[in-house]
C-alpha atoms as a PDB file:
ATOM      1  CA  MET A   1     117.861  19.974 114.224  1.00  0.00           C
ATOM      2  CA  SER A   2     115.716  22.805 115.163  1.00  0.00           C
ATOM      3  CA  ASN A   3     117.111  25.248 117.780  1.00  0.00           C
ATOM      4  CA  PHE A   4     113.261  25.978 119.510  1.00  0.00           C
ATOM      5  CA  PRO A   5     112.785  26.776 122.300  1.00  0.00           C
ATOM      6  CA  ILE A   6     116.536  28.311 122.883  1.00  0.00           C
ATOM      7  CA  VAL A   7     115.725  30.144 119.425  1.00  0.00           C
ATOM      8  CA  ARG A   8     112.619  31.895 119.060  1.00  0.00           C
ATOM      9  CA  MET A   9     112.589  34.023 116.025  1.00  0.00           C
ATOM     10  CA  ARG A  10     109.266  36.199 117.540  1.00  0.00           C
ATOM     11  CA  ARG A  11     111.394  37.984 120.461  1.00  0.00           C
ATOM     12  CA  THR A  12     112.401  40.576 118.164  1.00  0.00           C
ATOM     13  CA  ARG A  13     108.882  41.110 116.676  1.00  0.00           C
ATOM     14  CA  GLN A  14     106.973  41.667 119.687  1.00  0.00           C
ATOM     15  CA  SER A  15     107.188  45.705 120.074  1.00  0.00           C
ATOM     16  CA  ASP A  16     107.194  48.884 117.501  1.00  0.00           C
ATOM     17  CA  GLN A  17     110.337  49.840 118.952  1.00  0.00           C
ATOM     18  CA  LEU A  18     111.735  46.224 118.679  1.00  0.00           C
ATOM     19  CA  ARG A  19     110.394  45.967 115.147  1.00  0.00           C
ATOM     20  CA  GLY A  20     112.321  49.462 113.613  1.00  0.00           C
ATOM     21  CA  LEU A  21     115.552  48.581 115.180  1.00  0.00           C
ATOM     22  CA  VAL A  22     116.103  45.086 113.689  1.00  0.00           C
ATOM     23  CA  ARG A  23     114.173  46.790 110.227  1.00  0.00           C
ATOM     24  CA  GLU A  24     116.394  45.987 107.099  1.00  0.00           C
ATOM     25  CA  THR A  25     114.728  47.959 104.578  1.00  0.00           C
ATOM     26  CA  HIS A  26     113.923  51.539 105.066  1.00  0.00           C
ATOM     27  CA  LEU A  27     111.325  54.421 103.394  1.00  0.00           C
ATOM     28  CA  SER A  28     112.933  58.015 103.510  1.00  0.00           C
ATOM     29  CA  VAL A  29     111.416  61.156 101.695  1.00  0.00           C
ATOM     30  CA  GLU A  30     114.669  61.501 100.360  1.00  0.00           C
ATOM     31  CA  GLN A  31     114.425  58.473  98.032  1.00  0.00           C
ATOM     32  CA  LEU A  32     111.437  59.908  96.537  1.00  0.00           C
ATOM     33  CA  ILE A  33     110.930  61.357  93.302  1.00  0.00           C
ATOM     34  CA  TYR A  34     107.241  63.153  92.148  1.00  0.00           C
ATOM     35  CA  PRO A  35     106.050  63.080  88.446  1.00  0.00           C
ATOM     36  CA  LEU A  36     104.225  65.694  87.222  1.00  0.00           C
ATOM     37  CA  PHE A  37     102.180  66.640  84.166  1.00  0.00           C
ATOM     38  CA  ILE A  38     101.991  70.096  83.181  1.00  0.00           C
ATOM     39  CA  ALA A  39      99.531  70.558  80.023  1.00  0.00           C
ATOM     40  CA  GLU A  40      99.966  74.174  77.650  1.00  0.00           C
ATOM     41  CA  ASP A  41      96.639  74.099  76.531  1.00  0.00           C
ATOM     42  CA  LEU A  42      94.642  74.268  80.667  1.00  0.00           C
ATOM     43  CA  ASN A  43      93.586  76.823  82.430  1.00  0.00           C
ATOM     44  CA  GLU A  44      92.652  74.723  85.187  1.00  0.00           C
ATOM     45  CA  PRO A  45      94.016  71.637  86.885  1.00  0.00           C
ATOM     46  CA  ARG A  46      92.478  68.599  85.106  1.00  0.00           C
ATOM     47  CA  GLU A  47      92.226  65.181  86.814  1.00  0.00           C
ATOM     48  CA  ILE A  48      93.391  61.925  84.921  1.00  0.00           C
ATOM     49  CA  SER A  49      90.377  59.679  85.354  1.00  0.00           C
ATOM     50  CA  SER A  50      92.645  56.656  85.248  1.00  0.00           C
ATOM     51  CA  MET A  51      94.594  58.083  88.191  1.00  0.00           C
ATOM     52  CA  PRO A  52      92.361  59.580  91.033  1.00  0.00           C
ATOM     53  CA  GLY A  53      94.319  62.133  92.452  1.00  0.00           C
ATOM     54  CA  ILE A  54      97.039  62.866  89.786  1.00  0.00           C
ATOM     55  CA  MET A  55      96.487  66.047  88.271  1.00  0.00           C
ATOM     56  CA  GLN A  56      97.809  67.721  84.612  1.00  0.00           C
ATOM     57  CA  TRP A  57      98.854  71.539  85.594  1.00  0.00           C
ATOM     58  CA  PRO A  58      98.818  74.251  83.783  1.00  0.00           C
ATOM     59  CA  LEU A  59     101.970  76.436  83.835  1.00  0.00           C
ATOM     60  CA  GLU A  60     100.119  79.271  85.471  1.00  0.00           C
ATOM     61  CA  GLN A  61      99.277  77.500  88.232  1.00  0.00           C
ATOM     62  CA  LEU A  62     102.047  74.898  88.619  1.00  0.00           C
ATOM     63  CA  GLY A  63     103.604  76.986  91.622  1.00  0.00           C
ATOM     64  CA  HIS A  64     100.889  75.972  94.194  1.00  0.00           C
ATOM     65  CA  GLU A  65     101.713  72.693  93.626  1.00  0.00           C
ATOM     66  CA  ILE A  66     105.357  72.979  94.070  1.00  0.00           C
ATOM     67  CA  GLU A  67     105.201  74.918  97.104  1.00  0.00           C
ATOM     68  CA  ARG A  68     103.125  71.523  98.678  1.00  0.00           C
ATOM     69  CA  ILE A  69     105.464  69.317  97.262  1.00  0.00           C
ATOM     70  CA  ALA A  70     108.485  71.065  98.715  1.00  0.00           C
ATOM     71  CA  ALA A  71     106.998  71.764 102.108  1.00  0.00           C
ATOM     72  CA  LEU A  72     106.348  68.007 102.334  1.00  0.00           C
ATOM     73  CA  GLY A  73     110.313  67.381 101.851  1.00  0.00           C
ATOM     74  CA  ILE A  74     110.228  65.574  98.770  1.00  0.00           C
ATOM     75  CA  SER A  75     113.199  66.636  96.992  1.00  0.00           C
ATOM     76  CA  ALA A  76     112.965  65.980  93.364  1.00  0.00           C
ATOM     77  CA  VAL A  77     110.438  66.080  90.678  1.00  0.00           C
ATOM     78  CA  LEU A  78     110.249  64.298  87.628  1.00  0.00           C
ATOM     79  CA  LEU A  79     108.377  66.662  84.211  1.00  0.00           C
ATOM     80  CA  PHE A  80     106.511  65.624  81.808  1.00  0.00           C
ATOM     81  CA  GLY A  81     104.993  67.743  78.923  1.00  0.00           C
ATOM     82  CA  ILE A  82     101.840  67.642  77.253  1.00  0.00           C
ATOM     83  CA  PRO A  83     102.292  70.443  74.387  1.00  0.00           C
ATOM     84  CA  SER A  84      99.242  72.516  72.384  1.00  0.00           C
ATOM     85  CA  GLU A  85     100.816  71.824  69.068  1.00  0.00           C
ATOM     86  CA  LYS A  86     102.567  68.032  67.874  1.00  0.00           C
ATOM     87  CA  ASP A  87     104.293  67.602  64.573  1.00  0.00           C
ATOM     88  CA  GLU A  88     106.521  64.365  62.903  1.00  0.00           C
ATOM     89  CA  VAL A  89     109.198  65.282  64.627  1.00  0.00           C
ATOM     90  CA  GLY A  90     108.115  66.651  68.310  1.00  0.00           C
ATOM     91  CA  THR A  91     109.375  70.019  67.544  1.00  0.00           C
ATOM     92  CA  GLN A  92     108.155  71.315  70.999  1.00  0.00           C
ATOM     93  CA  ALA A  93     110.261  68.728  72.616  1.00  0.00           C
ATOM     94  CA  TYR A  94     113.100  71.049  72.145  1.00  0.00           C
ATOM     95  CA  ALA A  95     112.039  74.321  71.530  1.00  0.00           C
ATOM     96  CA  SER A  96     113.215  77.041  73.897  1.00  0.00           C
ATOM     97  CA  GLN A  97     110.292  78.606  74.978  1.00  0.00           C
ATOM     98  CA  GLY A  98     108.232  74.758  75.156  1.00  0.00           C
ATOM     99  CA  ILE A  99     105.909  73.541  77.783  1.00  0.00           C
ATOM    100  CA  VAL A 100     108.935  71.628  79.748  1.00  0.00           C
ATOM    101  CA  GLN A 101     111.436  74.197  79.611  1.00  0.00           C
ATOM    102  CA  ARG A 102     108.777  77.169  80.772  1.00  0.00           C
ATOM    103  CA  ALA A 103     108.246  74.644  83.583  1.00  0.00           C
ATOM    104  CA  ILE A 104     111.760  74.211  84.812  1.00  0.00           C
ATOM    105  CA  GLN A 105     111.743  78.291  84.548  1.00  0.00           C
ATOM    106  CA  ARG A 106     108.641  78.528  86.945  1.00  0.00           C
ATOM    107  CA  ILE A 107     109.699  75.759  89.491  1.00  0.00           C
ATOM    108  CA  LYS A 108     113.038  77.374  89.783  1.00  0.00           C
ATOM    109  CA  ALA A 109     111.650  80.443  90.938  1.00  0.00           C
ATOM    110  CA  VAL A 110     109.444  79.108  92.854  1.00  0.00           C
ATOM    111  CA  ALA A 111     111.705  76.617  94.602  1.00  0.00           C
ATOM    112  CA  PRO A 112     115.155  76.952  93.791  1.00  0.00           C
ATOM    113  CA  GLN A 113     116.147  73.585  96.213  1.00  0.00           C
ATOM    114  CA  LEU A 114     113.862  71.179  94.640  1.00  0.00           C
ATOM    115  CA  MET A 115     115.768  68.941  92.238  1.00  0.00           C
ATOM    116  CA  VAL A 116     114.072  69.219  88.501  1.00  0.00           C
ATOM    117  CA  MET A 117     114.860  66.119  86.548  1.00  0.00           C
ATOM    118  CA  THR A 118     113.094  66.343  82.839  1.00  0.00           C
ATOM    119  CA  ASP A 119     111.740  63.230  81.190  1.00  0.00           C
ATOM    120  CA  VAL A 120     113.748  62.976  77.634  1.00  0.00           C
ATOM    121  CA  CYS A 121     111.302  61.347  75.237  1.00  0.00           C
ATOM    122  CA  LEU A 122     109.389  62.502  71.715  1.00  0.00           C
ATOM    123  CA  CYS A 123     106.561  60.577  72.465  1.00  0.00           C
ATOM    124  CA  GLU A 124     104.247  63.054  74.012  1.00  0.00           C
ATOM    125  CA  TYR A 125     105.691  65.974  71.227  1.00  0.00           C
ATOM    126  CA  THR A 126     105.071  63.509  68.175  1.00  0.00           C
ATOM    127  CA  SER A 127     101.931  63.685  66.353  1.00  0.00           C
ATOM    128  CA  HIS A 128     102.184  59.875  65.822  1.00  0.00           C
ATOM    129  CA  GLY A 129     103.177  59.296  68.990  1.00  0.00           C
ATOM    130  CA  HIS A 130     106.000  57.048  68.957  1.00  0.00           C
ATOM    131  CA  CYS A 131     109.618  58.017  70.569  1.00  0.00           C
ATOM    132  CA  GLY A 132     111.574  58.798  67.477  1.00  0.00           C
ATOM    133  CA  VAL A 133     111.461  59.604  63.978  1.00  0.00           C
ATOM    134  CA  ILE A 134     108.893  57.922  61.611  1.00  0.00           C
ATOM    135  CA  HIS A 135     109.985  56.595  58.121  1.00  0.00           C
ATOM    136  CA  ASN A 136     108.367  54.167  55.623  1.00  0.00           C
ATOM    137  CA  GLY A 137     106.035  53.361  59.192  1.00  0.00           C
ATOM    138  CA  THR A 138     109.354  52.646  61.077  1.00  0.00           C
ATOM    139  CA  VAL A 139     111.290  54.202  64.119  1.00  0.00           C
ATOM    140  CA  GLN A 140     114.832  55.459  62.744  1.00  0.00           C
ATOM    141  CA  ASN A 141     117.156  55.046  65.887  1.00  0.00           C
ATOM    142  CA  ASP A 142     119.996  57.339  64.371  1.00  0.00           C
ATOM    143  CA  GLU A 143     117.999  60.384  63.206  1.00  0.00           C
ATOM    144  CA  SER A 144     116.207  60.583  66.432  1.00  0.00           C
ATOM    145  CA  LEU A 145     118.974  60.576  68.520  1.00  0.00           C
ATOM    146  CA  GLU A 146     119.973  64.287  67.512  1.00  0.00           C
ATOM    147  CA  LEU A 147     116.536  65.179  68.347  1.00  0.00           C
ATOM    148  CA  LEU A 148     116.647  63.416  71.695  1.00  0.00           C
ATOM    149  CA  ALA A 149     119.930  65.292  72.338  1.00  0.00           C
ATOM    150  CA  ARG A 150     118.158  68.787  71.315  1.00  0.00           C
ATOM    151  CA  MET A 151     115.681  67.709  73.852  1.00  0.00           C
ATOM    152  CA  ALA A 152     117.600  67.242  76.372  1.00  0.00           C
ATOM    153  CA  LEU A 153     119.962  70.267  75.942  1.00  0.00           C
ATOM    154  CA  SER A 154     116.983  72.400  75.969  1.00  0.00           C
ATOM    155  CA  HIS A 155     115.945  71.391  79.070  1.00  0.00           C
ATOM    156  CA  VAL A 156     119.511  71.857  80.904  1.00  0.00           C
ATOM    157  CA  GLU A 157     119.533  75.096  79.266  1.00  0.00           C
ATOM    158  CA  ALA A 158     115.998  76.148  81.004  1.00  0.00           C
ATOM    159  CA  GLY A 159     117.668  75.139  84.152  1.00  0.00           C
ATOM    160  CA  ALA A 160     117.139  71.310  84.759  1.00  0.00           C
ATOM    161  CA  ASP A 161     119.534  69.525  87.430  1.00  0.00           C
ATOM    162  CA  LEU A 162     118.876  65.698  85.749  1.00  0.00           C
ATOM    163  CA  VAL A 163     118.066  64.968  82.295  1.00  0.00           C
ATOM    164  CA  ALA A 164     116.151  61.409  82.224  1.00  0.00           C
ATOM    165  CA  PRO A 165     115.899  59.444  78.796  1.00  0.00           C
ATOM    166  CA  SER A 166     113.391  57.357  78.178  1.00  0.00           C
ATOM    167  CA  ASP A 167     112.883  56.685  74.430  1.00  0.00           C
ATOM    168  CA  MET A 168     114.883  53.546  74.662  1.00  0.00           C
ATOM    169  CA  MET A 169     116.688  54.426  71.444  1.00  0.00           C
ATOM    170  CA  ASP A 170     120.320  52.826  70.903  1.00  0.00           C
ATOM    171  CA  GLY A 171     123.054  55.465  72.193  1.00  0.00           C
ATOM    172  CA  ARG A 172     121.200  57.719  73.278  1.00  0.00           C
ATOM    173  CA  VAL A 173     122.807  58.062  76.413  1.00  0.00           C
ATOM    174  CA  GLY A 174     125.856  58.699  74.869  1.00  0.00           C
ATOM    175  CA  ALA A 175     124.647  61.491  72.081  1.00  0.00           C
ATOM    176  CA  ILE A 176     123.295  63.321  75.391  1.00  0.00           C
ATOM    177  CA  ARG A 177     126.260  63.089  76.879  1.00  0.00           C
ATOM    178  CA  HIS A 178     128.200  64.451  74.236  1.00  0.00           C
ATOM    179  CA  ALA A 179     125.774  67.161  73.518  1.00  0.00           C
ATOM    180  CA  LEU A 180     126.177  68.298  77.151  1.00  0.00           C
ATOM    181  CA  ASP A 181     129.604  68.255  77.581  1.00  0.00           C
ATOM    182  CA  GLU A 182     130.317  69.993  74.350  1.00  0.00           C
ATOM    183  CA  GLN A 183     128.093  72.971  75.281  1.00  0.00           C
ATOM    184  CA  GLY A 184     129.690  73.210  79.211  1.00  0.00           C
ATOM    185  CA  PHE A 185     127.662  70.772  81.068  1.00  0.00           C
ATOM    186  CA  SER A 186     129.674  68.024  81.894  1.00  0.00           C
ATOM    187  CA  ALA A 187     128.208  68.570  85.556  1.00  0.00           C
ATOM    188  CA  ILE A 188     124.317  67.688  84.745  1.00  0.00           C
ATOM    189  CA  PRO A 189     123.416  64.213  85.651  1.00  0.00           C
ATOM    190  CA  ILE A 190     121.896  61.410  83.560  1.00  0.00           C
ATOM    191  CA  MET A 191     119.489  59.135  84.618  1.00  0.00           C
ATOM    192  CA  ALA A 192     118.660  56.351  81.984  1.00  0.00           C
ATOM    193  CA  TYR A 193     115.948  54.537  81.711  1.00  0.00           C
ATOM    194  CA  SER A 194     117.895  51.524  81.033  1.00  0.00           C
ATOM    195  CA  ALA A 195     115.708  48.520  81.471  1.00  0.00           C
ATOM    196  CA  LYS A 196     112.203  50.158  80.203  1.00  0.00           C
ATOM    197  CA  TYR A 197     110.006  47.224  79.153  1.00  0.00           C
ATOM    198  CA  ALA A 198     106.741  47.283  76.784  1.00  0.00           C
ATOM    199  CA  SER A 199     104.514  46.833  79.713  1.00  0.00           C
ATOM    200  CA  GLY A 200     100.606  47.123  79.799  1.00  0.00           C
ATOM    201  CA  PHE A 201     101.047  48.949  82.831  1.00  0.00           C
ATOM    202  CA  TYR A 202     101.397  52.072  80.873  1.00  0.00           C
ATOM    203  CA  GLY A 203      97.621  52.427  80.123  1.00  0.00           C
ATOM    204  CA  PRO A 204      96.879  55.565  82.334  1.00  0.00           C
ATOM    205  CA  PHE A 205     100.295  57.234  81.571  1.00  0.00           C
ATOM    206  CA  ARG A 206      99.092  57.614  77.974  1.00  0.00           C
ATOM    207  CA  GLU A 207      96.154  59.375  79.024  1.00  0.00           C
ATOM    208  CA  ALA A 208      98.147  61.503  81.387  1.00  0.00           C
ATOM    209  CA  ALA A 209     100.713  62.270  79.040  1.00  0.00           C
ATOM    210  CA  GLY A 210      98.709  61.756  75.795  1.00  0.00           C
ATOM    211  CA  SER A 211     101.286  59.774  74.296  1.00  0.00           C
ATOM    212  CA  ALA A 212      99.649  56.698  72.831  1.00  0.00           C
ATOM    213  CA  PRO A 213     101.093  55.865  69.622  1.00  0.00           C
ATOM    214  CA  GLN A 214      98.722  56.367  66.814  1.00  0.00           C
ATOM    215  CA  PHE A 215      99.632  52.739  64.971  1.00  0.00           C
ATOM    216  CA  GLY A 216     101.585  50.155  66.211  1.00  0.00           C
ATOM    217  CA  ASP A 217     103.254  49.807  69.466  1.00  0.00           C
ATOM    218  CA  ARG A 218     106.405  50.138  70.806  1.00  0.00           C
ATOM    219  CA  ARG A 219     108.022  46.586  70.836  1.00  0.00           C
ATOM    220  CA  SER A 220     110.880  47.476  68.494  1.00  0.00           C
ATOM    221  CA  TYR A 221     112.843  49.578  70.702  1.00  0.00           C
ATOM    222  CA  GLN A 222     111.482  49.110  74.457  1.00  0.00           C
ATOM    223  CA  MET A 223     112.324  45.914  76.212  1.00  0.00           C
ATOM    224  CA  ASP A 224     110.445  42.214  75.810  1.00  0.00           C
ATOM    225  CA  PRO A 225     109.101  41.674  79.305  1.00  0.00           C
ATOM    226  CA  ALA A 226     110.495  37.939  78.973  1.00  0.00           C
ATOM    227  CA  ASN A 227     114.099  38.506  79.081  1.00  0.00           C
ATOM    228  CA  VAL A 228     116.563  39.569  81.934  1.00  0.00           C
ATOM    229  CA  ARG A 229     120.088  39.394  80.660  1.00  0.00           C
ATOM    230  CA  GLU A 230     119.305  41.707  77.342  1.00  0.00           C
ATOM    231  CA  ALA A 231     118.456  43.982  80.461  1.00  0.00           C
ATOM    232  CA  LEU A 232     122.003  43.793  82.092  1.00  0.00           C
ATOM    233  CA  ARG A 233     123.370  44.198  78.752  1.00  0.00           C
ATOM    234  CA  GLU A 234     121.363  47.581  78.444  1.00  0.00           C
ATOM    235  CA  VAL A 235     122.348  48.701  81.863  1.00  0.00           C
ATOM    236  CA  GLU A 236     126.225  47.555  80.815  1.00  0.00           C
ATOM    237  CA  LEU A 237     125.719  49.960  77.752  1.00  0.00           C
ATOM    238  CA  ASP A 238     124.137  52.858  79.441  1.00  0.00           C
ATOM    239  CA  ILE A 239     127.094  52.888  81.597  1.00  0.00           C
ATOM    240  CA  ALA A 240     129.226  52.888  79.235  1.00  0.00           C
ATOM    241  CA  GLU A 241     127.704  55.753  77.788  1.00  0.00           C
ATOM    242  CA  GLY A 242     128.170  57.737  80.702  1.00  0.00           C
ATOM    243  CA  ALA A 243     124.878  57.267  82.422  1.00  0.00           C
ATOM    244  CA  ASP A 244     125.069  58.210  86.322  1.00  0.00           C
ATOM    245  CA  ILE A 245     122.269  56.785  87.509  1.00  0.00           C
ATOM    246  CA  VAL A 246     120.052  53.276  85.953  1.00  0.00           C
ATOM    247  CA  MET A 247     116.643  52.735  86.187  1.00  0.00           C
ATOM    248  CA  VAL A 248     114.543  50.005  85.667  1.00  0.00           C
ATOM    249  CA  LYS A 249     110.431  50.266  84.539  1.00  0.00           C
ATOM    250  CA  PRO A 250     108.242  49.237  85.584  1.00  0.00           C
ATOM    251  CA  ALA A 251     108.445  48.223  89.371  1.00  0.00           C
ATOM    252  CA  LEU A 252     106.239  45.616  90.647  1.00  0.00           C
ATOM    253  CA  ALA A 253     106.308  42.931  87.997  1.00  0.00           C
ATOM    254  CA  TYR A 254     110.425  43.051  87.620  1.00  0.00           C
ATOM    255  CA  LEU A 255     111.510  43.097  91.015  1.00  0.00           C
ATOM    256  CA  ASP A 256     113.928  40.567  89.984  1.00  0.00           C
ATOM    257  CA  VAL A 257     115.382  42.427  87.291  1.00  0.00           C
ATOM    258  CA  ILE A 258     116.263  45.330  90.062  1.00  0.00           C
ATOM    259  CA  ARG A 259     117.486  42.910  91.947  1.00  0.00           C
ATOM    260  CA  GLN A 260     119.514  41.567  88.985  1.00  0.00           C
ATOM    261  CA  VAL A 261     120.272  44.973  88.157  1.00  0.00           C
ATOM    262  CA  ARG A 262     121.761  45.790  91.599  1.00  0.00           C
ATOM    263  CA  ASP A 263     123.655  42.590  92.336  1.00  0.00           C
ATOM    264  CA  HIS A 264     125.916  43.403  88.676  1.00  0.00           C
ATOM    265  CA  CYS A 265     126.033  47.264  89.305  1.00  0.00           C
ATOM    266  CA  ALA A 266     127.407  49.898  91.456  1.00  0.00           C
ATOM    267  CA  LEU A 267     125.590  52.755  90.256  1.00  0.00           C
ATOM    268  CA  PRO A 268     122.804  54.273  91.694  1.00  0.00           C
ATOM    269  CA  LEU A 269     119.542  52.527  90.917  1.00  0.00           C
ATOM    270  CA  ALA A 270     116.441  53.957  90.201  1.00  0.00           C
ATOM    271  CA  ALA A 271     112.956  52.129  89.673  1.00  0.00           C
ATOM    272  CA  TYR A 272     109.974  53.556  88.700  1.00  0.00           C
ATOM    273  CA  ASN A 273     106.224  52.690  90.290  1.00  0.00           C
ATOM    274  CA  VAL A 274     104.396  53.435  87.199  1.00  0.00           C
ATOM    275  CA  SER A 275     100.643  54.736  86.494  1.00  0.00           C
ATOM    276  CA  GLY A 276      99.198  50.979  85.902  1.00  0.00           C
ATOM    277  CA  GLU A 277     100.600  50.317  89.317  1.00  0.00           C
ATOM    278  CA  TYR A 278      99.461  53.164  90.939  1.00  0.00           C
ATOM    279  CA  SER A 279      95.957  53.350  89.636  1.00  0.00           C
ATOM    280  CA  MET A 280      95.452  49.285  90.071  1.00  0.00           C
ATOM    281  CA  ILE A 281      95.749  50.369  93.784  1.00  0.00           C
ATOM    282  CA  LYS A 282      93.759  53.366  93.763  1.00  0.00           C
ATOM    283  CA  ALA A 283      91.143  51.173  92.326  1.00  0.00           C
ATOM    284  CA  ALA A 284      90.988  48.425  95.063  1.00  0.00           C
ATOM    285  CA  ALA A 285      91.552  51.142  97.807  1.00  0.00           C
ATOM    286  CA  GLN A 286      88.216  52.969  96.367  1.00  0.00           C
ATOM    287  CA  ASN A 287      86.191  49.706  96.287  1.00  0.00           C
ATOM    288  CA  GLY A 288      86.970  48.816  99.876  1.00  0.00           C
ATOM    289  CA  TRP A 289      89.090  46.049  99.213  1.00  0.00           C
ATOM    290  CA  ILE A 290      92.453  46.924 100.566  1.00  0.00           C
ATOM    291  CA  ASP A 291      93.886  49.671 103.140  1.00  0.00           C
ATOM    292  CA  GLU A 292      95.744  51.711 101.017  1.00  0.00           C
ATOM    293  CA  ARG A 293      98.254  53.266 102.984  1.00  0.00           C
ATOM    294  CA  ARG A 294      99.586  49.769 104.414  1.00  0.00           C
ATOM    295  CA  ILE A 295      99.424  48.699 100.814  1.00  0.00           C
ATOM    296  CA  VAL A 296     101.505  51.275  99.149  1.00  0.00           C
ATOM    297  CA  MET A 297     104.230  51.404 102.300  1.00  0.00           C
ATOM    298  CA  GLU A 298     104.347  47.487 101.501  1.00  0.00           C
ATOM    299  CA  VAL A 299     104.805  47.901  97.794  1.00  0.00           C
ATOM    300  CA  LEU A 300     107.618  50.486  97.966  1.00  0.00           C
ATOM    301  CA  THR A 301     109.208  48.667 100.798  1.00  0.00           C
ATOM    302  CA  GLY A 302     108.892  45.689  98.627  1.00  0.00           C
ATOM    303  CA  ILE A 303     110.741  47.610  95.688  1.00  0.00           C
ATOM    304  CA  ARG A 304     113.374  49.116  98.137  1.00  0.00           C
ATOM    305  CA  ARG A 305     114.033  45.326  99.473  1.00  0.00           C
ATOM    306  CA  ALA A 306     114.772  44.567  95.921  1.00  0.00           C
ATOM    307  CA  GLY A 307     117.446  47.072  95.380  1.00  0.00           C
ATOM    308  CA  ALA A 308     115.995  50.100  94.435  1.00  0.00           C
ATOM    309  CA  ASP A 309     117.785  53.715  95.853  1.00  0.00           C
ATOM    310  CA  MET A 310     115.448  55.734  95.077  1.00  0.00           C
ATOM    311  CA  LEU A 311     111.593  55.457  94.141  1.00  0.00           C
ATOM    312  CA  ILE A 312     109.656  57.251  91.136  1.00  0.00           C
ATOM    313  CA  THR A 313     106.100  57.280  92.494  1.00  0.00           C
ATOM    314  CA  TYR A 314     102.833  58.856  91.912  1.00  0.00           C
ATOM    315  CA  PHE A 315     102.276  58.088  95.628  1.00  0.00           C
ATOM    316  CA  ALA A 316     104.815  60.430  96.775  1.00  0.00           C
ATOM    317  CA  PRO A 317     103.081  63.098  98.655  1.00  0.00           C
ATOM    318  CA  ASP A 318     101.152  60.795 100.611  1.00  0.00           C
ATOM    319  CA  VAL A 319     104.244  58.858 101.334  1.00  0.00           C
ATOM    320  CA  ALA A 320     106.036  61.641 102.714  1.00  0.00           C
ATOM    321  CA  GLN A 321     102.970  62.807 104.912  1.00  0.00           C
ATOM    322  CA  TRP A 322     102.775  59.072 106.523  1.00  0.00           C
ATOM    323  CA  LEU A 323     106.699  58.949 106.768  1.00  0.00           C
ATOM    324  CA  LYS A 324     106.615  62.221 109.096  1.00  0.00           C
END
């Protein structure tokens, strides 16, 4: 039986003040992580054609962008490097003077309070574009772990505050945790890309990072989009190996996965609002089909409502300005 007219749900929707008081899910600038692409062979910033407004940054001009980000109140960036040279084993990924290692030092000199997170994966550094060592046309899991651990350690030695392995090799969180602890970096947290799906939403990123595989695809190591119980197992294994934060990637087509991980896991949970999600909104907005600001805020609120504690998003600077 309805309680109308005694119960009227619209009573608390009558004004901005009332809606704010009863709002269940909130966005704040402290929840935002901004991805940055640093390219070794650039002299000027280069806009990524499939991601309007997002740049590949030359090291020499990175400081200006960092100053802008810090002034907006964004507390963390996630770095991706594009080296000038690539080889079969991604040597520049763990070189002490690699592009990300130098970028970390540059950022810390400009904005020491800014938290620098680094993506740990070989795909941007290998000539074949896969996330690990290749033998006989197959990605070798165990051989790749040593290189990933070396990469993470080199980032931390350069000044990174957190490392984020995204390669989806089995056992990589444990290998990185062991390498960091052995060298005295036991306080450095690991944010694991725990449930990273083999998604079509990564297309624009591959242009941005120059990381498209030269043969085959990544379905043998990234997750099948049809699976959610498997995601929970991946999360459990990463936690057992020493992850401090877990992640679901992508976000929009995987809100149910975010919710299930949130319900099964007490660790902080990140969600990556990926390049394809960004580009679709940008394209629709540029065609005048949607209100960009309204849609972005609705999308990110939905990801938060699903259970994410922090949001990795290319919209971070815009959202930081809007929240002010």
